[in-house]
Amino acid sequence: MADILEKIVAHKRTEVAQRQARVPVAVLEESLYFNSPTVSLVKYLQRPDKSGIIAEFKRRSPSKGDINPHAQVEQVTIGYMQAGATALSVLTDEYFFGGRNADLTEARKYNYCPILRKDFVIDEYQILEARAIGADIILLIAECLTAAEVKHLAAFARSLGLEVLLEVHSADQLAKLTPAVNVVGVNNRNLKTFTVSIQTSLELSPEIPADFLRISESGISDPEALVTLRQAGYRGFLIGEYFMQDAEPHRRAKAFIEQLRDLTTTPKINA
């Protein structure tokens, strides 16, 4: 039986073809956001005053089903940024994750910060879409793209002013890295089985070339784990499910970031 990722990609090919027929590239290029300046995730992750947390808006997943189907983009994303998140990630896949392009555009309307379009990019058209809906960064998943596809799509994204996050799950996928990639994301979730362990990030960190910023994705629910990941060289931490499982995701994010600050602030010693 085909694994989850194969099912998603097969559906995505059909979906993209349908959207391209319905909304021509010329229409995407007329968007208010298509030629507007983007916000750099790379720069934000390098700022010492930022938490490094990329807070994700996600309504559902193939493995968990509904997580928070009635969450409101405006309330959650503004709340995330007020809580101290560095950037936002917005799921735009509708069939498997309950997202939509309009979610990202709404997040863009209310927030000045880097926004990642979280989707399964397999075609140039989706990158044009990302630019049109207000994204700053696109995700390329090494597990569902060839090295040639990664190189081509990453270069195309950069030509449009977008940054590129290449997601890997194993050391052999690092061979698909190309200079057009800005950030390497290690997915702690196995996309074939959807099991999760941050050990994946810890093991892969030494294998990632030093000239790429790195982020750890999935399975982070404990501020102490984030401290360990920082020590292993990670600058960004994508957290979605843990926050979204709460009725008020932004409040859980705020509590998490406060705990993180308590862990990383050096206590003052009274004389």
C-alpha atoms as a PDB file:
ATOM      1  CA  MET A   1       0.000   0.000   0.000  1.00  0.00           C
ATOM      2  CA  ALA A   2       1.282   3.472  -0.899  1.00  0.00           C
ATOM      3  CA  ASP A   3       2.607   5.411   2.085  1.00  0.00           C
ATOM      4  CA  ILE A   4       1.074   8.713   3.193  1.00  0.00           C
ATOM      5  CA  LEU A   5       3.596  10.887   1.370  1.00  0.00           C
ATOM      6  CA  GLU A   6       3.028   9.097  -1.932  1.00  0.00           C
ATOM      7  CA  LYS A   7      -0.729   9.587  -1.547  1.00  0.00           C
ATOM      8  CA  ILE A   8      -0.280  13.280  -0.829  1.00  0.00           C
ATOM      9  CA  VAL A   9       2.020  13.844  -3.812  1.00  0.00           C
ATOM     10  CA  ALA A  10      -0.264  11.924  -6.186  1.00  0.00           C
ATOM     11  CA  HIS A  11      -3.224  14.018  -5.083  1.00  0.00           C
ATOM     12  CA  LYS A  12      -1.140  17.197  -5.304  1.00  0.00           C
ATOM     13  CA  ARG A  13      -0.305  16.588  -8.968  1.00  0.00           C
ATOM     14  CA  THR A  14      -3.996  16.435  -9.833  1.00  0.00           C
ATOM     15  CA  GLU A  15      -4.809  19.404  -7.607  1.00  0.00           C
ATOM     16  CA  VAL A  16      -2.100  21.634  -9.094  1.00  0.00           C
ATOM     17  CA  ALA A  17      -3.203  20.868 -12.641  1.00  0.00           C
ATOM     18  CA  GLN A  18      -6.777  21.815 -11.745  1.00  0.00           C
ATOM     19  CA  ARG A  19      -5.749  25.053 -10.042  1.00  0.00           C
ATOM     20  CA  GLN A  20      -3.485  26.035 -12.920  1.00  0.00           C
ATOM     21  CA  ALA A  21      -6.382  25.581 -15.340  1.00  0.00           C
ATOM     22  CA  ARG A  22      -8.626  27.671 -13.104  1.00  0.00           C
ATOM     23  CA  VAL A  23      -6.189  30.473 -12.173  1.00  0.00           C
ATOM     24  CA  PRO A  24      -3.654  31.346 -14.899  1.00  0.00           C
ATOM     25  CA  VAL A  25      -0.169  32.607 -14.004  1.00  0.00           C
ATOM     26  CA  ALA A  26      -1.100  36.060 -15.344  1.00  0.00           C
ATOM     27  CA  VAL A  27      -3.751  36.333 -12.629  1.00  0.00           C
ATOM     28  CA  LEU A  28      -1.259  35.327  -9.904  1.00  0.00           C
ATOM     29  CA  GLU A  29       1.133  38.019 -11.125  1.00  0.00           C
ATOM     30  CA  GLU A  30      -1.537  40.679 -10.573  1.00  0.00           C
ATOM     31  CA  SER A  31      -1.612  39.971  -6.820  1.00  0.00           C
ATOM     32  CA  LEU A  32      -0.786  42.796  -4.433  1.00  0.00           C
ATOM     33  CA  TYR A  33       1.944  40.589  -2.899  1.00  0.00           C
ATOM     34  CA  PHE A  34       3.574  39.262  -6.054  1.00  0.00           C
ATOM     35  CA  ASN A  35       6.225  41.973  -6.308  1.00  0.00           C
ATOM     36  CA  SER A  36       6.201  43.204  -2.714  1.00  0.00           C
ATOM     37  CA  PRO A  37       9.351  42.902  -0.552  1.00  0.00           C
ATOM     38  CA  THR A  38       9.676  39.659   1.389  1.00  0.00           C
ATOM     39  CA  VAL A  39      10.739  39.216   5.018  1.00  0.00           C
ATOM     40  CA  SER A  40      13.886  37.121   5.489  1.00  0.00           C
ATOM     41  CA  LEU A  41      13.630  34.050   7.710  1.00  0.00           C
ATOM     42  CA  VAL A  42      17.422  33.722   7.587  1.00  0.00           C
ATOM     43  CA  LYS A  43      17.867  37.198   9.086  1.00  0.00           C
ATOM     44  CA  TYR A  44      15.212  36.653  11.743  1.00  0.00           C
ATOM     45  CA  LEU A  45      16.725  33.323  12.833  1.00  0.00           C
ATOM     46  CA  GLN A  46      20.110  35.004  13.279  1.00  0.00           C
ATOM     47  CA  ARG A  47      18.753  37.702  15.579  1.00  0.00           C
ATOM     48  CA  PRO A  48      19.781  37.094  19.209  1.00  0.00           C
ATOM     49  CA  ASP A  49      16.615  38.770  20.506  1.00  0.00           C
ATOM     50  CA  LYS A  50      14.375  36.162  18.834  1.00  0.00           C
ATOM     51  CA  SER A  51      13.249  32.790  20.193  1.00  0.00           C
ATOM     52  CA  GLY A  52      13.799  30.944  16.911  1.00  0.00           C
ATOM     53  CA  ILE A  53      10.323  29.419  17.150  1.00  0.00           C
ATOM     54  CA  ILE A  54       8.407  29.084  13.905  1.00  0.00           C
ATOM     55  CA  ALA A  55       4.828  28.729  15.134  1.00  0.00           C
ATOM     56  CA  GLU A  56       2.560  26.798  12.820  1.00  0.00           C
ATOM     57  CA  PHE A  57      -1.131  27.175  12.002  1.00  0.00           C
ATOM     58  CA  LYS A  58      -2.478  23.693  11.259  1.00  0.00           C
ATOM     59  CA  ARG A  59      -6.071  22.486  11.509  1.00  0.00           C
ATOM     60  CA  ARG A  60      -5.605  18.774  10.928  1.00  0.00           C
ATOM     61  CA  SER A  61      -3.105  16.101   9.827  1.00  0.00           C
ATOM     62  CA  PRO A  62      -3.332  12.709   8.096  1.00  0.00           C
ATOM     63  CA  SER A  63      -2.014  10.938  11.180  1.00  0.00           C
ATOM     64  CA  LYS A  64      -4.029  12.733  13.884  1.00  0.00           C
ATOM     65  CA  GLY A  65      -7.161  13.796  12.012  1.00  0.00           C
ATOM     66  CA  ASP A  66      -8.741  17.018  13.292  1.00  0.00           C
ATOM     67  CA  ILE A  67      -6.458  18.947  15.640  1.00  0.00           C
ATOM     68  CA  ASN A  68      -8.168  22.328  15.859  1.00  0.00           C
ATOM     69  CA  PRO A  69     -10.615  22.573  12.931  1.00  0.00           C
ATOM     70  CA  HIS A  70     -12.288  25.805  14.074  1.00  0.00           C
ATOM     71  CA  ALA A  71      -9.153  27.817  14.865  1.00  0.00           C
ATOM     72  CA  GLN A  72      -9.160  31.389  13.534  1.00  0.00           C
ATOM     73  CA  VAL A  73      -6.101  32.522  11.562  1.00  0.00           C
ATOM     74  CA  GLU A  74      -6.212  36.145  12.717  1.00  0.00           C
ATOM     75  CA  GLN A  75      -6.476  35.346  16.421  1.00  0.00           C
ATOM     76  CA  VAL A  76      -3.919  32.529  16.461  1.00  0.00           C
ATOM     77  CA  THR A  77      -1.223  34.105  14.280  1.00  0.00           C
ATOM     78  CA  ILE A  78      -1.347  37.503  15.969  1.00  0.00           C
ATOM     79  CA  GLY A  79      -1.269  35.687  19.296  1.00  0.00           C
ATOM     80  CA  TYR A  80       1.744  33.640  18.225  1.00  0.00           C
ATOM     81  CA  MET A  81       3.731  36.751  17.353  1.00  0.00           C
ATOM     82  CA  GLN A  82       2.695  38.558  20.550  1.00  0.00           C
ATOM     83  CA  ALA A  83       3.807  35.459  22.475  1.00  0.00           C
ATOM     84  CA  GLY A  84       7.319  35.805  21.064  1.00  0.00           C
ATOM     85  CA  ALA A  85       7.415  33.569  17.975  1.00  0.00           C
ATOM     86  CA  THR A  86      10.056  34.455  15.397  1.00  0.00           C
ATOM     87  CA  ALA A  87       8.110  33.415  12.306  1.00  0.00           C
ATOM     88  CA  LEU A  88       4.922  31.734  11.156  1.00  0.00           C
ATOM     89  CA  SER A  89       4.257  28.565   9.184  1.00  0.00           C
ATOM     90  CA  VAL A  90       0.858  28.161   7.542  1.00  0.00           C
ATOM     91  CA  LEU A  91      -0.426  24.867   6.136  1.00  0.00           C
ATOM     92  CA  THR A  92      -2.097  25.506   2.783  1.00  0.00           C
ATOM     93  CA  ASP A  93      -2.857  21.908   1.771  1.00  0.00           C
ATOM     94  CA  GLU A  94      -6.623  21.506   1.914  1.00  0.00           C
ATOM     95  CA  TYR A  95      -7.345  17.835   1.260  1.00  0.00           C
ATOM     96  CA  PHE A  96      -5.035  16.317   3.886  1.00  0.00           C
ATOM     97  CA  PHE A  97      -4.442  19.200   6.327  1.00  0.00           C
ATOM     98  CA  GLY A  98      -7.578  21.344   6.136  1.00  0.00           C
ATOM     99  CA  GLY A  99      -5.626  24.422   5.062  1.00  0.00           C
ATOM    100  CA  ARG A 100      -6.131  26.902   2.246  1.00  0.00           C
ATOM    101  CA  ASN A 101      -4.191  29.617   0.472  1.00  0.00           C
ATOM    102  CA  ALA A 102      -6.476  32.228   2.018  1.00  0.00           C
ATOM    103  CA  ASP A 103      -5.163  31.243   5.475  1.00  0.00           C
ATOM    104  CA  LEU A 104      -1.672  32.406   4.562  1.00  0.00           C
ATOM    105  CA  THR A 105      -2.930  35.607   2.959  1.00  0.00           C
ATOM    106  CA  GLU A 106      -4.889  36.367   6.117  1.00  0.00           C
ATOM    107  CA  ALA A 107      -1.817  35.726   8.268  1.00  0.00           C
ATOM    108  CA  ARG A 108       0.167  38.070   5.991  1.00  0.00           C
ATOM    109  CA  LYS A 109      -2.475  40.773   6.361  1.00  0.00           C
ATOM    110  CA  TYR A 110      -2.066  40.889  10.143  1.00  0.00           C
ATOM    111  CA  ASN A 111       1.631  40.075  10.704  1.00  0.00           C
ATOM    112  CA  TYR A 112       4.973  41.530   9.670  1.00  0.00           C
ATOM    113  CA  CYS A 113       7.287  38.546  10.046  1.00  0.00           C
ATOM    114  CA  PRO A 114       8.642  35.722   7.873  1.00  0.00           C
ATOM    115  CA  ILE A 115       5.857  33.371   6.757  1.00  0.00           C
ATOM    116  CA  LEU A 116       6.534  29.873   5.472  1.00  0.00           C
ATOM    117  CA  ARG A 117       4.081  28.347   3.048  1.00  0.00           C
ATOM    118  CA  LYS A 118       3.859  24.769   4.330  1.00  0.00           C
ATOM    119  CA  ASP A 119       2.793  22.573   1.439  1.00  0.00           C
ATOM    120  CA  PHE A 120       4.045  19.829  -0.843  1.00  0.00           C
ATOM    121  CA  VAL A 121       5.736  21.732  -3.664  1.00  0.00           C
ATOM    122  CA  ILE A 122       6.268  19.734  -6.837  1.00  0.00           C
ATOM    123  CA  ASP A 123       5.726  22.361  -9.545  1.00  0.00           C
ATOM    124  CA  GLU A 124       6.801  25.913 -10.451  1.00  0.00           C
ATOM    125  CA  TYR A 125       3.162  26.977 -10.378  1.00  0.00           C
ATOM    126  CA  GLN A 126       2.990  26.446  -6.602  1.00  0.00           C
ATOM    127  CA  ILE A 127       5.985  28.752  -6.153  1.00  0.00           C
ATOM    128  CA  LEU A 128       4.266  31.463  -8.185  1.00  0.00           C
ATOM    129  CA  GLU A 129       1.211  30.869  -5.995  1.00  0.00           C
ATOM    130  CA  ALA A 130       3.324  31.218  -2.841  1.00  0.00           C
ATOM    131  CA  ARG A 131       4.547  34.619  -4.021  1.00  0.00           C
ATOM    132  CA  ALA A 132       1.014  35.702  -4.895  1.00  0.00           C
ATOM    133  CA  ILE A 133      -0.524  34.768  -1.534  1.00  0.00           C
ATOM    134  CA  GLY A 134       2.122  36.565   0.523  1.00  0.00           C
ATOM    135  CA  ALA A 135       4.632  33.890   1.521  1.00  0.00           C
ATOM    136  CA  ASP A 136       8.309  34.638   2.185  1.00  0.00           C
ATOM    137  CA  ILE A 137       9.645  31.068   2.257  1.00  0.00           C
ATOM    138  CA  ILE A 138       8.693  27.872   0.476  1.00  0.00           C
ATOM    139  CA  LEU A 139       9.214  24.307   1.637  1.00  0.00           C
ATOM    140  CA  LEU A 140      10.843  21.687  -0.571  1.00  0.00           C
ATOM    141  CA  ILE A 141      10.681  18.128   0.777  1.00  0.00           C
ATOM    142  CA  ALA A 142      13.721  16.079  -0.232  1.00  0.00           C
ATOM    143  CA  GLU A 143      11.851  12.824   0.225  1.00  0.00           C
ATOM    144  CA  CYS A 144       9.441  13.552  -2.625  1.00  0.00           C
ATOM    145  CA  LEU A 145      11.778  15.380  -5.048  1.00  0.00           C
ATOM    146  CA  THR A 146      14.824  14.348  -7.068  1.00  0.00           C
ATOM    147  CA  ALA A 147      18.077  16.272  -6.700  1.00  0.00           C
ATOM    148  CA  ALA A 148      17.440  17.863 -10.116  1.00  0.00           C
ATOM    149  CA  GLU A 149      13.942  18.932  -9.046  1.00  0.00           C
ATOM    150  CA  VAL A 150      15.253  20.462  -5.821  1.00  0.00           C
ATOM    151  CA  LYS A 151      17.896  22.404  -7.748  1.00  0.00           C
ATOM    152  CA  HIS A 152      15.417  23.681 -10.328  1.00  0.00           C
ATOM    153  CA  LEU A 153      12.603  24.589  -7.934  1.00  0.00           C
ATOM    154  CA  ALA A 154      14.940  26.219  -5.409  1.00  0.00           C
ATOM    155  CA  ALA A 155      16.547  28.377  -8.096  1.00  0.00           C
ATOM    156  CA  PHE A 156      13.120  29.335  -9.432  1.00  0.00           C
ATOM    157  CA  ALA A 157      11.950  30.357  -5.944  1.00  0.00           C
ATOM    158  CA  ARG A 158      15.054  32.450  -5.358  1.00  0.00           C
ATOM    159  CA  SER A 159      14.522  34.181  -8.717  1.00  0.00           C
ATOM    160  CA  LEU A 160      11.169  35.376  -7.354  1.00  0.00           C
ATOM    161  CA  GLY A 161      12.694  36.683  -4.131  1.00  0.00           C
ATOM    162  CA  LEU A 162      11.583  33.783  -1.950  1.00  0.00           C
ATOM    163  CA  GLU A 163      13.787  31.895   0.496  1.00  0.00           C
ATOM    164  CA  VAL A 164      13.937  28.099   0.419  1.00  0.00           C
ATOM    165  CA  LEU A 165      13.708  25.578   3.244  1.00  0.00           C
ATOM    166  CA  LEU A 166      14.805  22.085   2.248  1.00  0.00           C
ATOM    167  CA  GLU A 167      13.368  19.447   4.551  1.00  0.00           C
ATOM    168  CA  VAL A 168      15.307  16.229   5.076  1.00  0.00           C
ATOM    169  CA  HIS A 169      14.810  13.194   7.255  1.00  0.00           C
ATOM    170  CA  SER A 170      17.979  11.197   6.600  1.00  0.00           C
ATOM    171  CA  ALA A 171      21.654  11.867   5.903  1.00  0.00           C
ATOM    172  CA  ASP A 172      21.488  10.609   2.319  1.00  0.00           C
ATOM    173  CA  GLN A 173      18.934  13.330   1.483  1.00  0.00           C
ATOM    174  CA  LEU A 174      21.561  15.993   2.244  1.00  0.00           C
ATOM    175  CA  ALA A 175      23.087  15.106  -1.121  1.00  0.00           C
ATOM    176  CA  LYS A 176      20.167  17.034  -2.650  1.00  0.00           C
ATOM    177  CA  LEU A 177      21.364  20.317  -1.125  1.00  0.00           C
ATOM    178  CA  THR A 178      21.984  23.093  -3.625  1.00  0.00           C
ATOM    179  CA  PRO A 179      23.371  26.638  -3.143  1.00  0.00           C
ATOM    180  CA  ALA A 180      19.885  28.074  -3.779  1.00  0.00           C
ATOM    181  CA  VAL A 181      18.671  26.509  -0.511  1.00  0.00           C
ATOM    182  CA  ASN A 182      18.752  28.910   2.458  1.00  0.00           C
ATOM    183  CA  VAL A 183      17.778  26.705   5.380  1.00  0.00           C
ATOM    184  CA  VAL A 184      17.916  22.968   6.092  1.00  0.00           C
ATOM    185  CA  GLY A 185      15.029  21.614   8.110  1.00  0.00           C
ATOM    186  CA  VAL A 186      15.313  18.222   9.767  1.00  0.00           C
ATOM    187  CA  ASN A 187      11.882  16.638  10.078  1.00  0.00           C
ATOM    188  CA  ASN A 188      11.709  14.552  13.212  1.00  0.00           C
ATOM    189  CA  ARG A 189       8.568  12.944  11.820  1.00  0.00           C
ATOM    190  CA  ASN A 190       9.116  10.016   9.493  1.00  0.00           C
ATOM    191  CA  LEU A 191       6.917  10.909   6.515  1.00  0.00           C
ATOM    192  CA  LYS A 192       6.399   7.249   5.703  1.00  0.00           C
ATOM    193  CA  THR A 193       5.181   6.160   9.149  1.00  0.00           C
ATOM    194  CA  PHE A 194       4.565   9.534  10.879  1.00  0.00           C
ATOM    195  CA  THR A 195       6.450   8.407  14.023  1.00  0.00           C
ATOM    196  CA  VAL A 196       8.389  11.236  15.714  1.00  0.00           C
ATOM    197  CA  SER A 197      11.707  11.620  17.589  1.00  0.00           C
ATOM    198  CA  ILE A 198      13.996  14.659  18.035  1.00  0.00           C
ATOM    199  CA  GLN A 199      16.870  12.175  18.039  1.00  0.00           C
ATOM    200  CA  THR A 200      16.688  12.480  14.256  1.00  0.00           C
ATOM    201  CA  SER A 201      17.731  16.147  14.468  1.00  0.00           C
ATOM    202  CA  LEU A 202      20.490  15.419  16.975  1.00  0.00           C
ATOM    203  CA  GLU A 203      21.960  12.678  14.797  1.00  0.00           C
ATOM    204  CA  LEU A 204      21.821  14.641  11.542  1.00  0.00           C
ATOM    205  CA  SER A 205      23.154  17.963  12.833  1.00  0.00           C
ATOM    206  CA  PRO A 206      26.873  17.099  12.371  1.00  0.00           C
ATOM    207  CA  GLU A 207      26.162  16.008   8.792  1.00  0.00           C
ATOM    208  CA  ILE A 208      24.671  19.350   7.693  1.00  0.00           C
ATOM    209  CA  PRO A 209      27.209  21.691   6.035  1.00  0.00           C
ATOM    210  CA  ALA A 210      28.050  24.641   8.278  1.00  0.00           C
ATOM    211  CA  ASP A 211      27.041  27.255   5.696  1.00  0.00           C
ATOM    212  CA  PHE A 212      23.351  26.323   5.975  1.00  0.00           C
ATOM    213  CA  LEU A 213      21.130  27.513   8.795  1.00  0.00           C
ATOM    214  CA  ARG A 214      19.276  24.592  10.328  1.00  0.00           C
ATOM    215  CA  ILE A 215      15.885  24.158  11.934  1.00  0.00           C
ATOM    216  CA  SER A 216      14.317  21.205  13.719  1.00  0.00           C
ATOM    217  CA  GLU A 217      10.747  20.337  12.784  1.00  0.00           C
ATOM    218  CA  SER A 218       8.024  18.302  14.511  1.00  0.00           C
ATOM    219  CA  GLY A 219       7.785  16.540  17.850  1.00  0.00           C
ATOM    220  CA  ILE A 220       8.909  19.461  20.003  1.00  0.00           C
ATOM    221  CA  SER A 221       6.707  19.848  23.076  1.00  0.00           C
ATOM    222  CA  ASP A 222       9.236  20.519  25.839  1.00  0.00           C
ATOM    223  CA  PRO A 223      11.309  23.722  26.170  1.00  0.00           C
ATOM    224  CA  GLU A 224      14.211  21.636  27.508  1.00  0.00           C
ATOM    225  CA  ALA A 225      14.304  19.705  24.216  1.00  0.00           C
ATOM    226  CA  LEU A 226      14.653  23.017  22.419  1.00  0.00           C
ATOM    227  CA  VAL A 227      17.626  23.939  24.609  1.00  0.00           C
ATOM    228  CA  THR A 228      19.255  20.617  23.668  1.00  0.00           C
ATOM    229  CA  LEU A 229      18.599  21.293  19.973  1.00  0.00           C
ATOM    230  CA  ARG A 230      20.146  24.764  20.255  1.00  0.00           C
ATOM    231  CA  GLN A 231      23.262  23.214  21.726  1.00  0.00           C
ATOM    232  CA  ALA A 232      23.359  20.892  18.706  1.00  0.00           C
ATOM    233  CA  GLY A 233      23.454  23.884  16.349  1.00  0.00           C
ATOM    234  CA  TYR A 234      19.809  24.497  15.491  1.00  0.00           C
ATOM    235  CA  ARG A 235      18.650  28.106  15.105  1.00  0.00           C
ATOM    236  CA  GLY A 236      14.983  27.507  14.337  1.00  0.00           C
ATOM    237  CA  PHE A 237      12.278  25.237  15.756  1.00  0.00           C
ATOM    238  CA  LEU A 238       9.040  24.553  13.941  1.00  0.00           C
ATOM    239  CA  ILE A 239       6.239  23.807  16.386  1.00  0.00           C
ATOM    240  CA  GLY A 240       2.667  23.273  15.261  1.00  0.00           C
ATOM    241  CA  GLU A 241       0.789  20.309  16.630  1.00  0.00           C
ATOM    242  CA  TYR A 242       1.738  20.920  20.265  1.00  0.00           C
ATOM    243  CA  PHE A 243       0.436  24.488  20.108  1.00  0.00           C
ATOM    244  CA  MET A 244      -2.611  23.740  17.951  1.00  0.00           C
ATOM    245  CA  GLN A 245      -3.861  20.952  20.225  1.00  0.00           C
ATOM    246  CA  ASP A 246      -4.784  23.631  22.754  1.00  0.00           C
ATOM    247  CA  ALA A 247      -8.134  25.439  22.465  1.00  0.00           C
ATOM    248  CA  GLU A 248      -6.096  28.654  22.446  1.00  0.00           C
ATOM    249  CA  PRO A 249      -2.840  27.808  20.618  1.00  0.00           C
ATOM    250  CA  HIS A 250      -1.315  31.254  21.149  1.00  0.00           C
ATOM    251  CA  ARG A 251      -1.679  30.914  24.926  1.00  0.00           C
ATOM    252  CA  ARG A 252       0.146  27.590  24.902  1.00  0.00           C
ATOM    253  CA  ALA A 253       2.857  29.183  22.752  1.00  0.00           C
ATOM    254  CA  LYS A 254       3.183  32.040  25.232  1.00  0.00           C
ATOM    255  CA  ALA A 255       3.599  29.635  28.165  1.00  0.00           C
ATOM    256  CA  PHE A 256       6.164  27.577  26.198  1.00  0.00           C
ATOM    257  CA  ILE A 257       8.243  30.621  25.254  1.00  0.00           C
ATOM    258  CA  GLU A 258       8.140  31.933  28.835  1.00  0.00           C
ATOM    259  CA  GLN A 259       9.425  28.562  30.088  1.00  0.00           C
ATOM    260  CA  LEU A 260      12.142  28.670  27.427  1.00  0.00           C
ATOM    261  CA  ARG A 261      13.245  32.116  28.564  1.00  0.00           C
ATOM    262  CA  ASP A 262      13.387  30.920  32.163  1.00  0.00           C
ATOM    263  CA  LEU A 263      15.629  28.034  31.090  1.00  0.00           C
ATOM    264  CA  THR A 264      17.990  30.170  29.029  1.00  0.00           C
ATOM    265  CA  THR A 265      18.251  33.272  31.213  1.00  0.00           C
ATOM    266  CA  THR A 266      21.342  33.264  33.405  1.00  0.00           C
ATOM    267  CA  PRO A 267      20.250  33.962  36.995  1.00  0.00           C
ATOM    268  CA  LYS A 268      21.767  37.000  38.646  1.00  0.00           C
ATOM    269  CA  ILE A 269      23.872  36.270  41.729  1.00  0.00           C
ATOM    270  CA  ASN A 270      23.393  38.765  44.537  1.00  0.00           C
ATOM    271  CA  ALA A 271      26.580  40.177  45.963  1.00  0.00           C
END
